């Protein structure tokens, strides 16, 4: 989706420090998720600039909700309009940023 809208610089956030450390080390891992890290890293390499950053869990609520929705549904195209499940979380994100 990022490529579809012309994004070529990504900042990828995760509240899991182990994930961020693995991705910043080239996606290399000896654990059970090694192939997932490798696939994610290879996808990130399709962009000219990609950064992996750690964030707190509160800043990652929309991603958690999207992961839950994706786990139990067929592929959805929400490019034009956000899913109703994440709208309250997006509004909260905007309010937090506006109050900072």
Protein backbone atom coordinates (compact mmCIF):
# COMPACT_ATOMS: atom_id res chain seq x y z
CA UNK A 1 0.00 0.00 0.00
CA UNK A 2 2.83 2.39 0.80
CA UNK A 3 4.30 1.89 -2.66
CA UNK A 4 0.87 2.32 -4.23
CA UNK A 5 0.57 5.86 -2.87
CA UNK A 6 4.17 6.72 -3.74
CA UNK A 7 5.76 6.48 -0.29
CA UNK A 8 9.44 5.67 -0.50
CA UNK A 9 10.60 6.49 3.02
CA UNK A 10 9.28 4.35 5.85
CA UNK A 11 9.53 4.60 9.61
CA UNK A 12 8.37 1.27 11.02
CA UNK A 13 7.44 1.26 14.70
CA UNK A 14 7.01 -1.63 17.07
CA UNK A 15 6.51 -1.86 20.80
CA UNK A 16 8.57 -5.06 20.80
CA UNK A 17 12.23 -4.15 21.37
CA UNK A 18 13.43 -7.59 20.25
CA UNK A 19 11.74 -7.12 16.86
CA UNK A 20 13.30 -3.69 16.40
CA UNK A 21 16.76 -4.94 17.35
CA UNK A 22 16.46 -7.87 14.91
CA UNK A 23 15.29 -5.67 12.09
CA UNK A 24 18.05 -3.13 12.71
CA UNK A 25 20.51 -6.04 12.49
CA UNK A 26 19.36 -7.02 9.01
CA UNK A 27 16.42 -9.17 10.06
CA UNK A 28 18.79 -11.85 11.29
CA UNK A 29 17.49 -14.09 14.04
CA UNK A 30 18.18 -17.61 15.19
CA UNK A 31 14.77 -17.92 16.86
CA UNK A 32 11.59 -19.58 15.70
CA UNK A 33 10.47 -16.37 13.94
CA UNK A 34 13.63 -16.17 11.80
CA UNK A 35 11.79 -16.57 8.49
CA UNK A 36 9.25 -13.89 9.45
CA UNK A 37 12.04 -11.44 10.30
CA UNK A 38 13.80 -12.28 7.06
CA UNK A 39 10.64 -11.76 4.97
CA UNK A 40 9.87 -8.46 6.68
CA UNK A 41 13.41 -7.23 6.20
CA UNK A 42 13.37 -8.17 2.50
CA UNK A 43 10.08 -6.31 2.02
CA UNK A 44 11.54 -3.24 3.74
CA UNK A 45 14.50 -3.37 1.34
CA UNK A 46 12.10 -2.52 -1.51
CA UNK A 47 12.08 1.06 -0.21
CA UNK A 48 15.02 3.48 -0.60
CA UNK A 49 14.85 4.56 3.05
CA UNK A 50 13.54 2.46 5.92
CA UNK A 51 14.01 2.96 9.66
CA UNK A 52 12.92 0.66 12.45
CA UNK A 53 12.12 2.39 15.74
CA UNK A 54 10.88 1.27 19.13
CA UNK A 55 7.73 2.94 20.46
CA UNK A 56 5.64 2.45 23.55
CA UNK A 57 2.59 0.20 23.41
CA UNK A 58 0.18 3.13 23.68
CA UNK A 59 1.54 4.56 20.41
CA UNK A 60 0.92 1.28 18.62
CA UNK A 61 -2.79 0.70 19.37
CA UNK A 62 -3.97 1.14 15.76
CA UNK A 63 -1.49 -1.48 14.55
CA UNK A 64 -2.64 -3.93 17.23
CA UNK A 65 -6.28 -3.45 16.25
CA UNK A 66 -5.49 -3.89 12.54
CA UNK A 67 -3.62 -7.10 13.33
CA UNK A 68 -6.64 -8.43 15.24
CA UNK A 69 -9.00 -7.53 12.39
CA UNK A 70 -6.70 -9.09 9.77
CA UNK A 71 -6.37 -12.28 11.75
CA UNK A 72 -10.08 -13.08 11.59
CA UNK A 73 -11.19 -11.62 8.26
CA UNK A 74 -10.63 -11.92 4.57
CA UNK A 75 -8.49 -9.35 2.79
CA UNK A 76 -10.13 -5.96 2.93
CA UNK A 77 -9.47 -2.85 0.91
CA UNK A 78 -9.64 0.08 3.30
CA UNK A 79 -7.42 2.38 1.27
CA UNK A 80 -10.10 5.04 0.76
CA UNK A 81 -11.90 4.76 4.10
CA UNK A 82 -10.51 3.49 7.44
CA UNK A 83 -12.10 0.47 9.09
CA UNK A 84 -14.74 1.38 11.67
CA UNK A 85 -12.79 -0.63 14.28
CA UNK A 86 -9.84 1.77 14.15
CA UNK A 87 -11.61 5.13 13.76
CA UNK A 88 -11.83 5.79 17.54
CA UNK A 89 -8.15 4.93 17.91
CA UNK A 90 -7.18 7.24 15.04
CA UNK A 91 -9.21 10.06 16.60
CA UNK A 92 -7.47 9.47 19.92
CA UNK A 93 -4.06 9.63 18.19
CA UNK A 94 -4.95 12.98 16.64
CA UNK A 95 -6.17 14.33 19.99
CA UNK A 96 -2.97 13.25 21.74
CA UNK A 97 -0.81 14.91 19.07
CA UNK A 98 -2.91 18.09 19.13
CA UNK A 99 -2.55 18.35 22.92
CA UNK A 100 1.23 17.93 22.92
